[in-house]
Amino acid sequence: MTNRLMTSLGALTLGLGLATAAPAQMTLTYTEGGPNRGTRAAAVADFAETVGKLTNGEVTVDVHWGGALVGLTATLGAVRDGVADMGSVLQSYDPKRLIGYGVGDLPTQYSDPWVIMRAMYELMTTDETMERLMAEQNVVYLANFTTTGLNFECAGDNKIEGIADFAGKKIRASGTYAKVLNDLGATTMNMGFGDVYQALDTRLIDCTTGYFYTAQAYKTYEVANHFSIAQWGGIGAFGIAINKDSYDELSAEQQGALREAGSQMIDRFAKAQLDEMGKIRAGLETGEIGRKVTLVDFPKEDLLKLEEAGNVHNQDWVKEMTDLGHDGQGLFDKYRALLAKYDAERQEKGYPWAR
């Protein structure tokens, strides 16, 4: 096991050819590219704390925040090579190495954070192809994050209240989402969220795709007058991975504890995200967040049309997986079925924390 401190919890008794040792206490290093603040940081800390509880202190997690160990873009390589034992990985930063995991980034009509993370967790922990693809990178999947669904924020007199409004708009977007918007008549530009405020303010762009949490974090509500609440899709290829060598050196019980900690984190992170989304929406509607803006709900029938338009480009992923010798369509269909399964469970039983 690499880059990990190991200390004995009990005395080692040697004598007459006999050796008795208490279980070793293991500290796993965790590299996190983001700062130690916000709901996702709280989720990482929650995961680390739960690992300690479930292993009775035999395994602890030492989180290195803010890219202090390695930056977010380099996390997969660092975990794969043992620079860190585990970390937060994004498929978008290693699209070829994590191509299978990329199914979670394909646009769908599902945006509920609990639904997305539960579907990804089941897929990544039960599907042999997905587990093998991760193992080829010398990592093991443990848990999932998500961004929640995309909304549209527009400056000036611009507004997006349905699919017809995309035509002629200059919109900040990326990935498959940008391809879909281009197909629907928009001109898209890719830029980091740190540049969106100025781009809206100077009218370099008319609108941007974004999330409730980015609207608060980057204060785009100061320069955007109209928010269309679409909750379109959601980034799901974002989670926690552990170095496979480190994982294999743990006992079966400790491995199970790490997986269980990841599962518990998903439920608590989903609740925190939903609570945060509700507070931010209310703040935008009342102005308590800093400025009152107009909010409209994107029509459900148009959201389904967005999914249909997205399926054209989703087939690019299917083809690429198939060309690599995998059952691309089968994996895509399995993920969609899991989304539908957990969405139905949510509607029938409610969220786990409310049952």
Protein backbone atom coordinates (compact mmCIF):
# COMPACT_ATOMS: atom_id res chain seq x y z
CA MET A 1 0.00 0.00 0.00
CA THR A 2 1.57 3.29 -1.13
CA ASN A 3 1.93 6.66 0.56
CA ARG A 4 0.19 5.51 3.70
CA LEU A 5 1.24 5.69 7.30
CA MET A 6 0.94 2.44 9.20
CA THR A 7 1.27 2.20 12.96
CA SER A 8 0.67 -0.69 15.29
CA LEU A 9 -2.31 -0.42 17.61
CA GLY A 10 -0.91 -3.01 19.96
CA ALA A 11 2.40 -4.33 21.11
CA LEU A 12 4.10 -6.98 19.03
CA THR A 13 5.05 -9.88 21.21
CA LEU A 14 7.89 -12.04 19.99
CA GLY A 15 9.22 -15.07 21.75
CA LEU A 16 9.83 -18.74 21.30
CA GLY A 17 8.98 -18.45 17.60
CA LEU A 18 5.57 -16.90 18.34
CA ALA A 19 4.43 -13.51 17.02
CA THR A 20 1.17 -11.85 17.95
CA ALA A 21 0.15 -8.51 16.45
CA ALA A 22 -2.92 -6.36 16.91
CA PRO A 23 -4.55 -5.00 13.74
CA ALA A 24 -2.54 -2.16 12.15
CA GLN A 25 -4.02 1.32 11.95
CA MET A 26 -3.93 2.56 8.39
CA THR A 27 -4.12 6.16 7.22
CA LEU A 28 -5.11 6.59 3.57
CA THR A 29 -4.18 9.86 1.86
CA TYR A 30 -6.99 11.56 -0.05
CA THR A 31 -6.32 14.26 -2.64
CA GLU A 32 -9.11 16.80 -3.12
CA GLY A 33 -8.76 19.56 -5.69
CA GLY A 34 -11.43 21.79 -4.16
CA PRO A 35 -11.27 23.91 -1.01
CA ASN A 36 -12.55 22.79 2.37
CA ARG A 37 -15.89 24.60 2.11
CA GLY A 38 -19.30 23.97 0.59
CA THR A 39 -21.61 20.97 0.43
CA ARG A 40 -19.28 18.71 -1.55
CA ALA A 41 -16.37 19.39 0.80
CA ALA A 42 -18.69 18.46 3.66
CA ALA A 43 -19.49 15.23 1.80
CA VAL A 44 -15.79 14.35 1.46
CA ALA A 45 -15.27 15.04 5.16
CA ASP A 46 -18.36 12.94 5.94
CA PHE A 47 -16.93 10.06 3.91
CA ALA A 48 -13.61 10.25 5.75
CA GLU A 49 -15.30 10.32 9.15
CA THR A 50 -17.61 7.41 8.28
CA VAL A 51 -14.68 5.25 7.14
CA GLY A 52 -13.13 5.69 10.58
CA LYS A 53 -16.38 4.83 12.35
CA LEU A 54 -17.17 1.76 10.27
CA THR A 55 -13.66 0.33 10.69
CA ASN A 56 -13.51 1.13 14.41
CA GLY A 57 -10.55 3.37 13.75
CA GLU A 58 -8.52 0.74 11.91
CA VAL A 59 -8.65 2.82 8.71
CA THR A 60 -8.59 6.61 8.68
CA VAL A 61 -8.59 9.06 5.77
CA ASP A 62 -6.31 12.10 5.68
CA VAL A 63 -7.79 14.64 3.23
CA HIS A 64 -5.45 17.10 1.48
CA TRP A 65 -7.63 20.04 0.38
CA GLY A 66 -7.37 22.62 -2.37
CA GLY A 67 -5.00 20.68 -4.61
CA ALA A 68 -2.29 20.77 -1.94
CA LEU A 69 -1.18 17.28 -2.93
CA VAL A 70 -2.10 17.33 -6.65
CA GLY A 71 -4.55 19.39 -8.69
CA LEU A 72 -8.00 18.10 -9.60
CA THR A 73 -7.02 17.60 -13.24
CA ALA A 74 -4.18 15.28 -12.20
CA THR A 75 -6.09 13.25 -9.61
CA LEU A 76 -6.65 10.09 -11.61
CA GLY A 77 -2.97 9.75 -12.47
CA ALA A 78 -1.94 10.46 -8.89
CA VAL A 79 -4.28 7.82 -7.49
CA ARG A 80 -3.41 5.34 -10.23
CA ASP A 81 0.33 5.72 -9.58
CA GLY A 82 0.06 5.74 -5.79
CA VAL A 83 0.98 9.38 -5.20
CA ALA A 84 -2.25 9.41 -3.20
CA ASP A 85 -4.30 6.47 -1.97
CA MET A 86 -7.59 7.96 -3.12
CA GLY A 87 -9.16 11.12 -4.45
CA SER A 88 -11.99 12.90 -6.25
CA VAL A 89 -11.88 12.12 -9.98
CA LEU A 90 -13.68 13.69 -12.93
CA GLN A 91 -14.13 11.78 -16.17
CA SER A 92 -14.02 15.03 -18.16
CA TYR A 93 -10.35 15.45 -17.19
CA ASP A 94 -9.44 11.93 -18.41
CA PRO A 95 -12.10 11.13 -21.03
CA LYS A 96 -10.14 8.32 -22.69
CA ARG A 97 -8.92 6.57 -19.56
CA LEU A 98 -12.36 6.84 -17.93
CA ILE A 99 -14.49 6.40 -21.02
CA GLY A 100 -16.85 3.90 -19.40
CA TYR A 101 -17.50 6.18 -16.44
CA GLY A 102 -18.46 8.85 -18.97
CA VAL A 103 -21.95 7.37 -19.32
CA GLY A 104 -22.79 9.44 -16.25
CA ASP A 105 -22.15 12.70 -18.12
CA LEU A 106 -24.55 12.02 -20.98
CA PRO A 107 -27.59 14.34 -20.91
CA THR A 108 -30.89 12.81 -19.82
CA GLN A 109 -34.21 14.03 -18.44
CA TYR A 110 -33.10 12.93 -14.97
CA SER A 111 -31.45 15.53 -12.77
CA ASP A 112 -32.33 14.59 -9.20
CA PRO A 113 -29.00 14.24 -7.36
CA TRP A 114 -30.06 11.21 -5.35
CA VAL A 115 -31.34 9.43 -8.47
CA ILE A 116 -28.17 10.13 -10.47
CA MET A 117 -25.75 9.13 -7.72
CA ARG A 118 -27.67 5.98 -6.76
CA ALA A 119 -27.87 4.87 -10.41
CA MET A 120 -24.15 5.47 -10.90
CA TYR A 121 -23.25 3.73 -7.64
CA GLU A 122 -25.16 0.58 -8.57
CA LEU A 123 -23.79 0.57 -12.11
CA MET A 124 -20.17 1.07 -11.06
CA THR A 125 -20.24 -1.47 -8.22
CA THR A 126 -22.15 -4.28 -9.95
CA ASP A 127 -21.30 -4.15 -13.66
CA GLU A 128 -18.28 -6.29 -14.56
CA THR A 129 -17.30 -4.15 -17.54
CA MET A 130 -17.28 -0.95 -15.50
CA GLU A 131 -15.29 -2.57 -12.69
CA ARG A 132 -12.79 -3.98 -15.18
CA LEU A 133 -12.33 -0.64 -16.94
CA MET A 134 -11.56 1.02 -13.62
CA ALA A 135 -9.18 -1.79 -12.67
CA GLU A 136 -7.30 -1.24 -15.95
CA GLN A 137 -6.49 2.22 -14.58
CA ASN A 138 -5.38 0.61 -11.29
CA VAL A 139 -8.26 2.20 -9.37
CA VAL A 140 -11.45 1.04 -7.68
CA TYR A 141 -14.66 3.08 -7.61
CA LEU A 142 -16.04 3.89 -4.15
CA ALA A 143 -18.71 6.61 -4.39
CA ASN A 144 -20.26 9.32 -6.53
CA PHE A 145 -20.86 13.04 -6.63
CA THR A 146 -23.06 15.01 -9.02
CA THR A 147 -23.52 18.62 -10.02
CA THR A 148 -27.37 18.57 -10.10
CA GLY A 149 -29.16 19.67 -13.29
CA LEU A 150 -28.35 22.52 -15.67
CA ASN A 151 -30.34 25.75 -15.74
CA PHE A 152 -30.12 28.72 -18.12
CA GLU A 153 -29.21 32.23 -16.93
CA CYS A 154 -29.59 35.16 -19.33
CA ALA A 155 -28.45 38.80 -19.24
CA GLY A 156 -30.22 41.93 -20.48
CA ASP A 157 -33.53 41.29 -22.23
CA ASN A 158 -32.52 37.77 -23.24
CA LYS A 159 -34.56 34.87 -21.93
CA ILE A 160 -34.93 31.15 -22.55
CA GLU A 161 -38.40 29.88 -21.84
CA GLY A 162 -38.42 26.94 -24.22
CA ILE A 163 -36.52 25.23 -27.02
CA ALA A 164 -37.49 27.87 -29.59
CA ASP A 165 -35.52 30.49 -27.63
CA PHE A 166 -32.15 28.80 -28.23
CA ALA A 167 -32.01 29.98 -31.84
CA GLY A 168 -29.54 32.81 -32.32
CA LYS A 169 -28.42 32.92 -28.68
CA LYS A 170 -24.76 32.99 -27.66
CA ILE A 171 -24.63 30.52 -24.77
CA ARG A 172 -21.79 29.34 -22.56
CA ALA A 173 -21.95 25.52 -22.53
CA SER A 174 -19.62 22.54 -22.77
CA GLY A 175 -19.48 18.88 -23.67
CA THR A 176 -22.44 17.05 -25.14
CA TYR A 177 -24.74 19.76 -23.79
CA ALA A 178 -23.06 22.30 -26.07
CA LYS A 179 -23.50 19.99 -29.06
CA VAL A 180 -27.23 19.70 -28.36
CA LEU A 181 -27.66 23.47 -28.06
CA ASN A 182 -25.75 24.01 -31.31
CA ASP A 183 -28.11 21.60 -33.02
CA LEU A 184 -31.01 23.67 -31.72
CA GLY A 185 -29.70 26.91 -33.22
CA ALA A 186 -27.50 28.35 -30.48
CA THR A 187 -23.88 29.46 -30.80
CA THR A 188 -21.99 28.03 -27.86
CA MET A 189 -18.79 29.12 -26.17
CA ASN A 190 -16.83 27.09 -23.63
CA MET A 191 -15.31 28.91 -20.66
CA GLY A 192 -14.75 28.33 -16.97
CA PHE A 193 -17.29 29.56 -14.45
CA GLY A 194 -14.77 32.13 -13.27
CA ASP A 195 -15.14 33.95 -16.61
CA VAL A 196 -18.93 33.75 -16.92
CA TYR A 197 -19.76 36.81 -14.79
CA GLN A 198 -17.76 39.19 -16.99
CA ALA A 199 -18.95 37.49 -20.19
CA LEU A 200 -22.57 38.08 -19.20
CA ASP A 201 -21.88 41.60 -17.98
CA THR A 202 -20.15 42.63 -21.23
CA ARG A 203 -22.65 40.69 -23.40
CA LEU A 204 -19.91 38.50 -24.80
CA ILE A 205 -22.56 35.84 -24.22
CA ASP A 206 -26.33 36.20 -23.95
CA CYS A 207 -26.86 33.29 -21.59
CA THR A 208 -25.01 30.60 -19.71
CA THR A 209 -25.74 27.11 -18.54
CA GLY A 210 -25.19 26.78 -14.82
CA TYR A 211 -26.33 25.29 -11.56
CA PHE A 212 -27.98 26.77 -8.49
CA TYR A 213 -24.74 26.46 -6.54
CA THR A 214 -22.67 28.20 -9.23
CA ALA A 215 -25.19 31.04 -9.37
CA GLN A 216 -24.52 31.61 -5.68
CA ALA A 217 -20.78 30.92 -5.70
CA TYR A 218 -20.02 33.14 -8.72
CA LYS A 219 -22.83 35.66 -8.07
CA THR A 220 -24.08 35.49 -11.65
CA TYR A 221 -27.47 36.68 -10.39
CA GLU A 222 -25.90 40.16 -10.24
CA VAL A 223 -25.62 40.27 -14.06
CA ALA A 224 -28.30 37.78 -15.15
CA ASN A 225 -31.88 39.01 -15.14
CA HIS A 226 -33.67 35.84 -16.17
CA PHE A 227 -33.26 32.28 -14.89
CA SER A 228 -34.89 29.34 -16.66
CA ILE A 229 -35.06 26.39 -14.27
CA ALA A 230 -34.59 23.39 -16.56
CA GLN A 231 -32.70 21.00 -14.26
CA TRP A 232 -31.44 19.31 -17.42
CA GLY A 233 -29.33 16.20 -16.86
CA GLY A 234 -26.43 16.42 -14.48
CA ILE A 235 -22.76 15.50 -14.36
CA GLY A 236 -22.54 12.01 -12.89
CA ALA A 237 -19.03 10.94 -13.92
CA PHE A 238 -17.54 12.50 -10.82
CA GLY A 239 -16.67 10.43 -7.79
CA ILE A 240 -14.22 8.86 -5.38
CA ALA A 241 -11.65 6.31 -6.53
CA ILE A 242 -8.98 4.44 -4.55
CA ASN A 243 -5.67 3.01 -5.74
CA LYS A 244 -6.30 -0.68 -6.48
CA ASP A 245 -3.10 -1.83 -4.76
CA SER A 246 -4.10 0.05 -1.61
CA TYR A 247 -7.62 -1.37 -1.84
CA ASP A 248 -6.40 -4.93 -2.32
CA GLU A 249 -4.27 -4.74 0.83
CA LEU A 250 -7.32 -4.01 2.95
CA SER A 251 -9.30 -6.83 4.51
CA ALA A 252 -12.63 -7.79 2.99
CA GLU A 253 -14.37 -6.15 5.95
CA GLN A 254 -12.41 -2.92 5.48
CA GLN A 255 -13.14 -2.89 1.76
CA GLY A 256 -16.82 -3.30 2.53
CA ALA A 257 -16.62 -0.45 5.03
CA LEU A 258 -15.19 1.89 2.38
CA ARG A 259 -17.98 0.99 -0.03
CA GLU A 260 -20.59 1.44 2.70
CA ALA A 261 -19.10 4.81 3.64
CA GLY A 262 -19.45 5.83 0.01
CA SER A 263 -23.07 4.68 -0.08
CA GLN A 264 -23.95 6.56 3.10
CA MET A 265 -22.20 9.67 1.80
CA ILE A 266 -24.38 9.64 -1.32
CA ASP A 267 -27.60 9.87 0.69
CA ARG A 268 -26.32 12.64 2.93
CA PHE A 269 -24.78 14.60 0.05
CA ALA A 270 -28.00 14.35 -1.96
CA LYS A 271 -30.02 15.72 0.97
CA ALA A 272 -27.55 18.58 1.42
CA GLN A 273 -27.70 19.42 -2.29
CA LEU A 274 -31.49 19.42 -2.36
CA ASP A 275 -31.65 21.60 0.76
CA GLU A 276 -29.12 24.01 -0.75
CA MET A 277 -30.97 24.18 -4.07
CA GLY A 278 -34.20 25.04 -2.29
CA LYS A 279 -32.58 27.82 -0.28
CA ILE A 280 -30.85 29.34 -3.31
CA ARG A 281 -34.01 29.27 -5.41
CA ALA A 282 -35.94 30.95 -2.62
CA GLY A 283 -33.19 33.56 -2.27
CA LEU A 284 -33.32 34.34 -5.99
CA GLU A 285 -37.11 34.67 -5.91
CA THR A 286 -37.16 36.98 -2.90
CA GLY A 287 -33.90 38.80 -3.48
CA GLU A 288 -32.51 37.71 -0.13
CA ILE A 289 -29.54 36.16 -1.91
CA GLY A 290 -28.45 39.65 -2.99
CA ARG A 291 -30.69 40.51 -5.92
CA LYS A 292 -34.12 39.46 -7.10
CA VAL A 293 -34.30 37.86 -10.54
CA THR A 294 -37.05 36.44 -12.71
CA LEU A 295 -37.38 32.66 -12.49
CA VAL A 296 -39.44 30.49 -14.85
CA ASP A 297 -39.68 26.73 -15.10
CA PHE A 298 -38.56 25.26 -18.40
CA PRO A 299 -41.52 23.37 -19.94
CA LYS A 300 -41.47 19.63 -19.21
CA GLU A 301 -42.41 18.79 -22.78
CA ASP A 302 -39.41 20.77 -24.01
CA LEU A 303 -37.16 19.00 -21.51
CA LEU A 304 -38.15 15.71 -23.12
CA LYS A 305 -37.29 17.20 -26.50
CA LEU A 306 -33.87 18.13 -25.13
CA GLU A 307 -33.38 14.50 -24.14
CA GLU A 308 -34.34 13.35 -27.64
CA ALA A 309 -31.86 15.81 -29.14
CA GLY A 310 -29.20 14.63 -26.71
CA ASN A 311 -29.68 10.99 -27.66
CA VAL A 312 -28.21 11.74 -31.08
CA HIS A 313 -24.90 12.65 -29.46
CA ASN A 314 -25.20 10.03 -26.71
CA GLN A 315 -24.81 7.51 -29.50
CA ASP A 316 -21.27 8.82 -30.01
CA TRP A 317 -20.39 7.36 -26.61
CA VAL A 318 -22.17 4.12 -27.47
CA LYS A 319 -20.23 3.82 -30.73
CA GLU A 320 -16.90 4.57 -29.09
CA MET A 321 -17.50 1.94 -26.41
CA THR A 322 -18.62 -0.56 -29.04
CA ASP A 323 -15.55 0.13 -31.15
CA LEU A 324 -13.43 -0.71 -28.08
CA GLY A 325 -15.08 -4.11 -27.88
CA HIS A 326 -17.68 -3.41 -25.18
CA ASP A 327 -21.47 -3.62 -25.28
CA GLY A 328 -21.93 0.14 -25.56
CA GLN A 329 -25.66 0.07 -26.14
CA GLY A 330 -26.19 -2.45 -23.37
CA LEU A 331 -24.30 -0.30 -20.86
CA PHE A 332 -26.14 2.82 -21.97
CA ASP A 333 -29.51 1.08 -21.62
CA LYS A 334 -28.53 -0.35 -18.23
CA TYR A 335 -27.69 3.10 -16.90
CA ARG A 336 -30.96 4.53 -18.22
CA ALA A 337 -32.87 1.68 -16.60
CA LEU A 338 -31.18 2.38 -13.27
CA LEU A 339 -32.09 6.06 -13.52
CA ALA A 340 -35.71 5.09 -14.12
CA LYS A 341 -35.57 2.58 -11.25
CA TYR A 342 -34.37 5.07 -8.66
CA ASP A 343 -36.61 7.83 -9.94
CA ALA A 344 -39.60 5.51 -9.53
CA GLU A 345 -38.43 4.59 -6.01
CA ARG A 346 -38.10 8.26 -5.14
CA GLN A 347 -41.60 9.01 -6.35
CA GLU A 348 -43.14 5.97 -4.64
CA LYS A 349 -41.29 5.95 -1.31
CA GLY A 350 -39.66 9.36 -1.06
CA TYR A 351 -36.04 9.92 -0.18
CA PRO A 352 -34.38 7.51 2.28
CA TRP A 353 -33.91 10.21 4.94
CA ALA A 354 -37.65 11.02 4.85
CA ARG A 355 -38.97 7.47 5.15
